[in-house]
Amino acid sequence: MGLLDDALARLPGILARRLTQTVPDPRDAYRDGMAYAEPGLLQQQVEWREQTRPMPLRERLKDISPMAGALSGMAMPIAFHSTYSPFKNFDWSRLGSVTRANANDTSAGWAMNLAKIGPWSSASNVGRQMAAPHTLKVEVGGRAKSFRDLNTLEAAVRRAGGPEKLRQSLVDRGYGHIKVTDTEFGGTSFVSLAPENFKVID
């Protein structure tokens, strides 16, 4: 075999190595139904590409820490929750119990729709306004869903079919709490949507 014949015999292997080094996706090396790669080389390149594929944003945020949340614009507000009895963990089975006892007949339905979404807290310490003897400092976690006022939030509750359904809908969409303009109690109130997003820190 002459030099020319030898060079021609080696050409497919040279082309295969060149193709697998330069094509954006190794599967592009298949042309006209022929694989110009050495046996197994394309599969190795495909497996390597799959292993090094960037992790989806949803996966990267799944186990996000509070510090990482703050750095990514998800800082956890510190708020105040007024109560008649101090506690460490909020009892979600009691949602709306205080509101039910204090609301009058005309506003009971409206007020309960809001109270049963989740535990409320305020950007300001409103314990004196509510005549509550205890004020707890809480950390409100998760992504915020904003509402411009209480009437808008209550209308959203009715559209969803109730406070529990609104809460679940927002959780399913990745929200951790509601932020609503509340001129009666300090200007801004928060409603937590899950226990991990309402942490007593005092």
C-alpha atoms as a PDB file:
ATOM      1  CA  MET A   1       0.000   0.000   0.000  1.00  0.00           C
ATOM      2  CA  GLY A   2       1.436   3.351  -0.990  1.00  0.00           C
ATOM      3  CA  LEU A   3       1.506   6.537   1.016  1.00  0.00           C
ATOM      4  CA  LEU A   4      -1.589   7.862  -0.745  1.00  0.00           C
ATOM      5  CA  ASP A   5      -3.527   4.662  -0.065  1.00  0.00           C
ATOM      6  CA  ASP A   6      -2.469   4.745   3.587  1.00  0.00           C
ATOM      7  CA  ALA A   7      -3.584   8.369   3.976  1.00  0.00           C
ATOM      8  CA  LEU A   8      -6.960   7.608   2.397  1.00  0.00           C
ATOM      9  CA  ALA A   9      -7.434   4.631   4.720  1.00  0.00           C
ATOM     10  CA  ARG A  10      -6.842   6.808   7.776  1.00  0.00           C
ATOM     11  CA  LEU A  11      -9.055   9.674   6.580  1.00  0.00           C
ATOM     12  CA  PRO A  12     -12.396   8.445   8.062  1.00  0.00           C
ATOM     13  CA  GLY A  13     -10.896   8.252  11.558  1.00  0.00           C
ATOM     14  CA  ILE A  14      -9.385  11.732  11.248  1.00  0.00           C
ATOM     15  CA  LEU A  15     -12.715  13.136  10.048  1.00  0.00           C
ATOM     16  CA  ALA A  16     -14.547  11.423  12.898  1.00  0.00           C
ATOM     17  CA  ARG A  17     -12.328  12.992  15.531  1.00  0.00           C
ATOM     18  CA  ARG A  18     -12.637  16.393  13.877  1.00  0.00           C
ATOM     19  CA  LEU A  19     -16.431  16.164  13.665  1.00  0.00           C
ATOM     20  CA  THR A  20     -16.925  15.164  17.312  1.00  0.00           C
ATOM     21  CA  GLN A  21     -14.692  18.033  18.415  1.00  0.00           C
ATOM     22  CA  THR A  22     -16.402  20.760  16.399  1.00  0.00           C
ATOM     23  CA  VAL A  23     -20.114  20.030  15.988  1.00  0.00           C
ATOM     24  CA  PRO A  24     -22.426  21.741  18.577  1.00  0.00           C
ATOM     25  CA  ASP A  25     -24.247  18.460  19.191  1.00  0.00           C
ATOM     26  CA  PRO A  26     -22.476  15.128  18.491  1.00  0.00           C
ATOM     27  CA  ARG A  27     -25.621  13.782  16.879  1.00  0.00           C
ATOM     28  CA  ASP A  28     -25.029  16.252  14.035  1.00  0.00           C
ATOM     29  CA  ALA A  29     -22.123  14.036  13.004  1.00  0.00           C
ATOM     30  CA  TYR A  30     -24.637  11.727  11.325  1.00  0.00           C
ATOM     31  CA  ARG A  31     -24.761  12.789   7.668  1.00  0.00           C
ATOM     32  CA  ASP A  32     -26.615  11.107   4.837  1.00  0.00           C
ATOM     33  CA  GLY A  33     -27.405   8.157   7.094  1.00  0.00           C
ATOM     34  CA  MET A  34     -23.746   7.463   7.888  1.00  0.00           C
ATOM     35  CA  ALA A  35     -21.926   7.953  11.190  1.00  0.00           C
ATOM     36  CA  TYR A  36     -18.460   9.375  10.611  1.00  0.00           C
ATOM     37  CA  ALA A  37     -17.457   8.624  14.194  1.00  0.00           C
ATOM     38  CA  GLU A  38     -15.561   5.711  15.602  1.00  0.00           C
ATOM     39  CA  PRO A  39     -17.784   3.105  17.335  1.00  0.00           C
ATOM     40  CA  GLY A  40     -19.073   4.356  20.704  1.00  0.00           C
ATOM     41  CA  LEU A  41     -17.508   7.813  20.423  1.00  0.00           C
ATOM     42  CA  LEU A  42     -20.723   9.633  19.570  1.00  0.00           C
ATOM     43  CA  GLN A  43     -22.562   7.936  22.447  1.00  0.00           C
ATOM     44  CA  GLN A  44     -19.823   8.976  24.859  1.00  0.00           C
ATOM     45  CA  GLN A  45     -20.093  12.563  23.641  1.00  0.00           C
ATOM     46  CA  VAL A  46     -23.885  12.529  23.997  1.00  0.00           C
ATOM     47  CA  GLU A  47     -23.656  11.140  27.551  1.00  0.00           C
ATOM     48  CA  TRP A  48     -21.060  13.755  28.477  1.00  0.00           C
ATOM     49  CA  ARG A  49     -23.298  16.517  27.113  1.00  0.00           C
ATOM     50  CA  GLU A  50     -26.304  15.232  29.083  1.00  0.00           C
ATOM     51  CA  GLN A  51     -24.270  15.068  32.300  1.00  0.00           C
ATOM     52  CA  THR A  52     -23.015  18.630  31.910  1.00  0.00           C
ATOM     53  CA  ARG A  53     -26.342  20.155  30.844  1.00  0.00           C
ATOM     54  CA  PRO A  54     -27.155  23.206  33.057  1.00  0.00           C
ATOM     55  CA  MET A  55     -29.571  22.421  35.897  1.00  0.00           C
ATOM     56  CA  PRO A  56     -33.060  23.902  35.346  1.00  0.00           C
ATOM     57  CA  LEU A  57     -33.848  27.014  37.395  1.00  0.00           C
ATOM     58  CA  ARG A  58     -36.690  25.203  39.215  1.00  0.00           C
ATOM     59  CA  GLU A  59     -34.226  22.568  40.482  1.00  0.00           C
ATOM     60  CA  ARG A  60     -31.660  25.172  41.522  1.00  0.00           C
ATOM     61  CA  LEU A  61     -34.266  27.089  43.562  1.00  0.00           C
ATOM     62  CA  LYS A  62     -35.934  24.026  45.106  1.00  0.00           C
ATOM     63  CA  ASP A  63     -33.670  23.892  48.157  1.00  0.00           C
ATOM     64  CA  ILE A  64     -32.804  27.579  48.256  1.00  0.00           C
ATOM     65  CA  SER A  65     -31.508  28.824  51.608  1.00  0.00           C
ATOM     66  CA  PRO A  66     -32.666  32.059  53.281  1.00  0.00           C
ATOM     67  CA  MET A  67     -29.349  33.716  52.460  1.00  0.00           C
ATOM     68  CA  ALA A  68     -29.560  32.672  48.816  1.00  0.00           C
ATOM     69  CA  GLY A  69     -33.156  33.901  48.773  1.00  0.00           C
ATOM     70  CA  ALA A  70     -32.110  37.307  50.023  1.00  0.00           C
ATOM     71  CA  LEU A  71     -29.360  37.566  47.428  1.00  0.00           C
ATOM     72  CA  SER A  72     -31.755  36.683  44.619  1.00  0.00           C
ATOM     73  CA  GLY A  73     -34.329  39.345  45.518  1.00  0.00           C
ATOM     74  CA  MET A  74     -36.390  37.060  47.760  1.00  0.00           C
ATOM     75  CA  ALA A  75     -35.471  38.683  51.089  1.00  0.00           C
ATOM     76  CA  MET A  76     -37.700  37.528  53.936  1.00  0.00           C
ATOM     77  CA  PRO A  77     -39.620  40.396  55.573  1.00  0.00           C
ATOM     78  CA  ILE A  78     -39.624  40.736  59.345  1.00  0.00           C
ATOM     79  CA  ALA A  79     -43.152  41.494  60.516  1.00  0.00           C
ATOM     80  CA  PHE A  80     -45.273  41.625  63.671  1.00  0.00           C
ATOM     81  CA  HIS A  81     -48.116  39.328  64.710  1.00  0.00           C
ATOM     82  CA  SER A  82     -50.392  40.451  67.540  1.00  0.00           C
ATOM     83  CA  THR A  83     -51.870  37.740  69.742  1.00  0.00           C
ATOM     84  CA  TYR A  84     -53.645  37.191  73.042  1.00  0.00           C
ATOM     85  CA  SER A  85     -51.429  34.222  73.885  1.00  0.00           C
ATOM     86  CA  PRO A  86     -47.775  33.835  72.849  1.00  0.00           C
ATOM     87  CA  PHE A  87     -46.812  30.743  70.868  1.00  0.00           C
ATOM     88  CA  LYS A  88     -43.844  29.275  69.021  1.00  0.00           C
ATOM     89  CA  ASN A  89     -45.682  27.492  66.211  1.00  0.00           C
ATOM     90  CA  PHE A  90     -48.900  28.833  64.751  1.00  0.00           C
ATOM     91  CA  ASP A  91     -51.913  26.511  64.991  1.00  0.00           C
ATOM     92  CA  TRP A  92     -53.361  26.533  61.482  1.00  0.00           C
ATOM     93  CA  SER A  93     -56.535  24.798  62.666  1.00  0.00           C
ATOM     94  CA  ARG A  94     -57.436  28.028  64.485  1.00  0.00           C
ATOM     95  CA  LEU A  95     -57.348  30.241  61.390  1.00  0.00           C
ATOM     96  CA  GLY A  96     -60.070  32.881  61.663  1.00  0.00           C
ATOM     97  CA  SER A  97     -61.087  32.049  65.247  1.00  0.00           C
ATOM     98  CA  VAL A  98     -60.352  35.533  66.614  1.00  0.00           C
ATOM     99  CA  THR A  99     -61.960  37.195  63.600  1.00  0.00           C
ATOM    100  CA  ARG A 100     -65.073  35.053  63.994  1.00  0.00           C
ATOM    101  CA  ALA A 101     -65.411  36.151  67.614  1.00  0.00           C
ATOM    102  CA  ASN A 102     -64.970  39.864  66.844  1.00  0.00           C
ATOM    103  CA  ALA A 103     -66.605  40.422  63.438  1.00  0.00           C
ATOM    104  CA  ASN A 104     -70.133  41.809  63.278  1.00  0.00           C
ATOM    105  CA  ASP A 105     -72.863  40.191  61.212  1.00  0.00           C
ATOM    106  CA  THR A 106     -72.504  42.459  58.189  1.00  0.00           C
ATOM    107  CA  SER A 107     -68.756  42.039  57.779  1.00  0.00           C
ATOM    108  CA  ALA A 108     -68.334  38.459  59.010  1.00  0.00           C
ATOM    109  CA  GLY A 109     -68.248  36.812  55.572  1.00  0.00           C
ATOM    110  CA  TRP A 110     -65.820  39.365  54.113  1.00  0.00           C
ATOM    111  CA  ALA A 111     -63.542  39.233  57.167  1.00  0.00           C
ATOM    112  CA  MET A 112     -63.522  35.428  57.366  1.00  0.00           C
ATOM    113  CA  ASN A 113     -62.611  35.132  53.694  1.00  0.00           C
ATOM    114  CA  LEU A 114     -59.463  37.107  54.501  1.00  0.00           C
ATOM    115  CA  ALA A 115     -58.691  35.604  57.912  1.00  0.00           C
ATOM    116  CA  LYS A 116     -58.781  31.983  56.734  1.00  0.00           C
ATOM    117  CA  ILE A 117     -56.204  32.424  53.954  1.00  0.00           C
ATOM    118  CA  GLY A 118     -53.371  32.121  56.468  1.00  0.00           C
ATOM    119  CA  PRO A 119     -51.801  33.804  59.526  1.00  0.00           C
ATOM    120  CA  TRP A 120     -51.526  37.574  59.164  1.00  0.00           C
ATOM    121  CA  SER A 121     -48.713  39.864  60.228  1.00  0.00           C
ATOM    122  CA  SER A 122     -47.993  43.541  59.732  1.00  0.00           C
ATOM    123  CA  ALA A 123     -44.992  45.608  58.715  1.00  0.00           C
ATOM    124  CA  SER A 124     -45.730  47.763  61.782  1.00  0.00           C
ATOM    125  CA  ASN A 125     -46.329  46.817  65.392  1.00  0.00           C
ATOM    126  CA  VAL A 126     -50.115  47.210  65.672  1.00  0.00           C
ATOM    127  CA  GLY A 127     -50.608  45.358  68.952  1.00  0.00           C
ATOM    128  CA  ARG A 128     -51.868  48.476  70.714  1.00  0.00           C
ATOM    129  CA  GLN A 129     -54.435  49.144  67.974  1.00  0.00           C
ATOM    130  CA  MET A 130     -55.722  45.600  68.318  1.00  0.00           C
ATOM    131  CA  ALA A 131     -55.642  45.676  72.128  1.00  0.00           C
ATOM    132  CA  ALA A 132     -53.547  42.499  72.039  1.00  0.00           C
ATOM    133  CA  PRO A 133     -51.226  41.965  75.009  1.00  0.00           C
ATOM    134  CA  HIS A 134     -48.528  40.154  73.038  1.00  0.00           C
ATOM    135  CA  THR A 135     -46.682  40.962  69.830  1.00  0.00           C
ATOM    136  CA  LEU A 136     -44.507  38.345  68.147  1.00  0.00           C
ATOM    137  CA  LYS A 137     -41.800  39.092  65.649  1.00  0.00           C
ATOM    138  CA  VAL A 138     -42.070  36.734  62.680  1.00  0.00           C
ATOM    139  CA  GLU A 139     -40.110  35.997  59.540  1.00  0.00           C
ATOM    140  CA  VAL A 140     -42.318  35.893  56.451  1.00  0.00           C
ATOM    141  CA  GLY A 141     -40.779  33.601  53.845  1.00  0.00           C
ATOM    142  CA  GLY A 142     -41.175  32.722  50.195  1.00  0.00           C
ATOM    143  CA  ARG A 143     -42.047  34.696  47.089  1.00  0.00           C
ATOM    144  CA  ALA A 144     -44.639  37.455  47.514  1.00  0.00           C
ATOM    145  CA  LYS A 145     -47.886  37.794  45.596  1.00  0.00           C
ATOM    146  CA  SER A 146     -48.990  41.428  45.857  1.00  0.00           C
ATOM    147  CA  PHE A 147     -52.545  42.779  46.055  1.00  0.00           C
ATOM    148  CA  ARG A 148     -53.292  46.493  45.968  1.00  0.00           C
ATOM    149  CA  ASP A 149     -55.867  46.433  48.802  1.00  0.00           C
ATOM    150  CA  LEU A 150     -58.024  44.211  50.987  1.00  0.00           C
ATOM    151  CA  ASN A 151     -61.062  44.389  48.707  1.00  0.00           C
ATOM    152  CA  THR A 152     -59.005  43.139  45.766  1.00  0.00           C
ATOM    153  CA  LEU A 153     -57.680  40.254  47.866  1.00  0.00           C
ATOM    154  CA  GLU A 154     -61.153  39.322  49.122  1.00  0.00           C
ATOM    155  CA  ALA A 155     -62.481  39.363  45.555  1.00  0.00           C
ATOM    156  CA  ALA A 156     -59.673  36.956  44.589  1.00  0.00           C
ATOM    157  CA  VAL A 157     -60.787  34.642  47.408  1.00  0.00           C
ATOM    158  CA  ARG A 158     -64.337  34.540  46.049  1.00  0.00           C
ATOM    159  CA  ARG A 159     -63.147  33.944  42.482  1.00  0.00           C
ATOM    160  CA  ALA A 160     -60.981  31.034  43.657  1.00  0.00           C
ATOM    161  CA  GLY A 161     -63.889  29.423  45.498  1.00  0.00           C
ATOM    162  CA  GLY A 162     -62.759  30.141  49.056  1.00  0.00           C
ATOM    163  CA  PRO A 163     -59.675  31.050  51.115  1.00  0.00           C
ATOM    164  CA  GLU A 164     -58.273  27.522  51.175  1.00  0.00           C
ATOM    165  CA  LYS A 165     -58.488  27.223  47.391  1.00  0.00           C
ATOM    166  CA  LEU A 166     -56.813  30.594  46.874  1.00  0.00           C
ATOM    167  CA  ARG A 167     -54.022  29.589  49.232  1.00  0.00           C
ATOM    168  CA  GLN A 168     -53.428  26.296  47.435  1.00  0.00           C
ATOM    169  CA  SER A 169     -53.541  27.971  44.030  1.00  0.00           C
ATOM    170  CA  LEU A 170     -50.859  30.456  45.054  1.00  0.00           C
ATOM    171  CA  VAL A 171     -48.681  27.746  46.619  1.00  0.00           C
ATOM    172  CA  ASP A 172     -48.959  25.705  43.422  1.00  0.00           C
ATOM    173  CA  ARG A 173     -47.724  28.748  41.483  1.00  0.00           C
ATOM    174  CA  GLY A 174     -44.658  29.084  43.708  1.00  0.00           C
ATOM    175  CA  TYR A 175     -45.739  31.824  46.135  1.00  0.00           C
ATOM    176  CA  GLY A 176     -44.917  31.750  49.851  1.00  0.00           C
ATOM    177  CA  HIS A 177     -46.919  34.706  51.131  1.00  0.00           C
ATOM    178  CA  ILE A 178     -49.266  37.522  50.177  1.00  0.00           C
ATOM    179  CA  LYS A 179     -48.329  41.173  50.483  1.00  0.00           C
ATOM    180  CA  VAL A 180     -51.291  43.533  50.616  1.00  0.00           C
ATOM    181  CA  THR A 181     -51.739  47.260  51.206  1.00  0.00           C
ATOM    182  CA  ASP A 182     -53.681  47.548  54.457  1.00  0.00           C
ATOM    183  CA  THR A 183     -54.215  51.141  55.608  1.00  0.00           C
ATOM    184  CA  GLU A 184     -56.017  49.992  58.762  1.00  0.00           C
ATOM    185  CA  PHE A 185     -53.031  48.092  60.134  1.00  0.00           C
ATOM    186  CA  GLY A 186     -49.756  49.795  59.433  1.00  0.00           C
ATOM    187  CA  GLY A 187     -49.932  50.211  55.670  1.00  0.00           C
ATOM    188  CA  THR A 188     -48.643  46.756  54.649  1.00  0.00           C
ATOM    189  CA  SER A 189     -49.778  43.347  55.808  1.00  0.00           C
ATOM    190  CA  PHE A 190     -48.502  39.872  55.004  1.00  0.00           C
ATOM    191  CA  VAL A 191     -50.411  36.589  54.838  1.00  0.00           C
ATOM    192  CA  SER A 192     -48.306  33.442  55.027  1.00  0.00           C
ATOM    193  CA  LEU A 193     -49.364  30.527  52.832  1.00  0.00           C
ATOM    194  CA  ALA A 194     -47.525  27.650  54.537  1.00  0.00           C
ATOM    195  CA  PRO A 195     -46.090  26.943  58.023  1.00  0.00           C
ATOM    196  CA  GLU A 196     -42.488  27.273  56.830  1.00  0.00           C
ATOM    197  CA  ASN A 197     -43.265  30.832  55.688  1.00  0.00           C
ATOM    198  CA  PHE A 198     -44.417  32.003  59.144  1.00  0.00           C
ATOM    199  CA  LYS A 199     -41.599  31.587  61.653  1.00  0.00           C
ATOM    200  CA  VAL A 200     -41.649  33.157  65.099  1.00  0.00           C
ATOM    201  CA  ILE A 201     -38.168  34.540  65.767  1.00  0.00           C
ATOM    202  CA  ASP A 202     -38.725  36.340  69.066  1.00  0.00           C
END
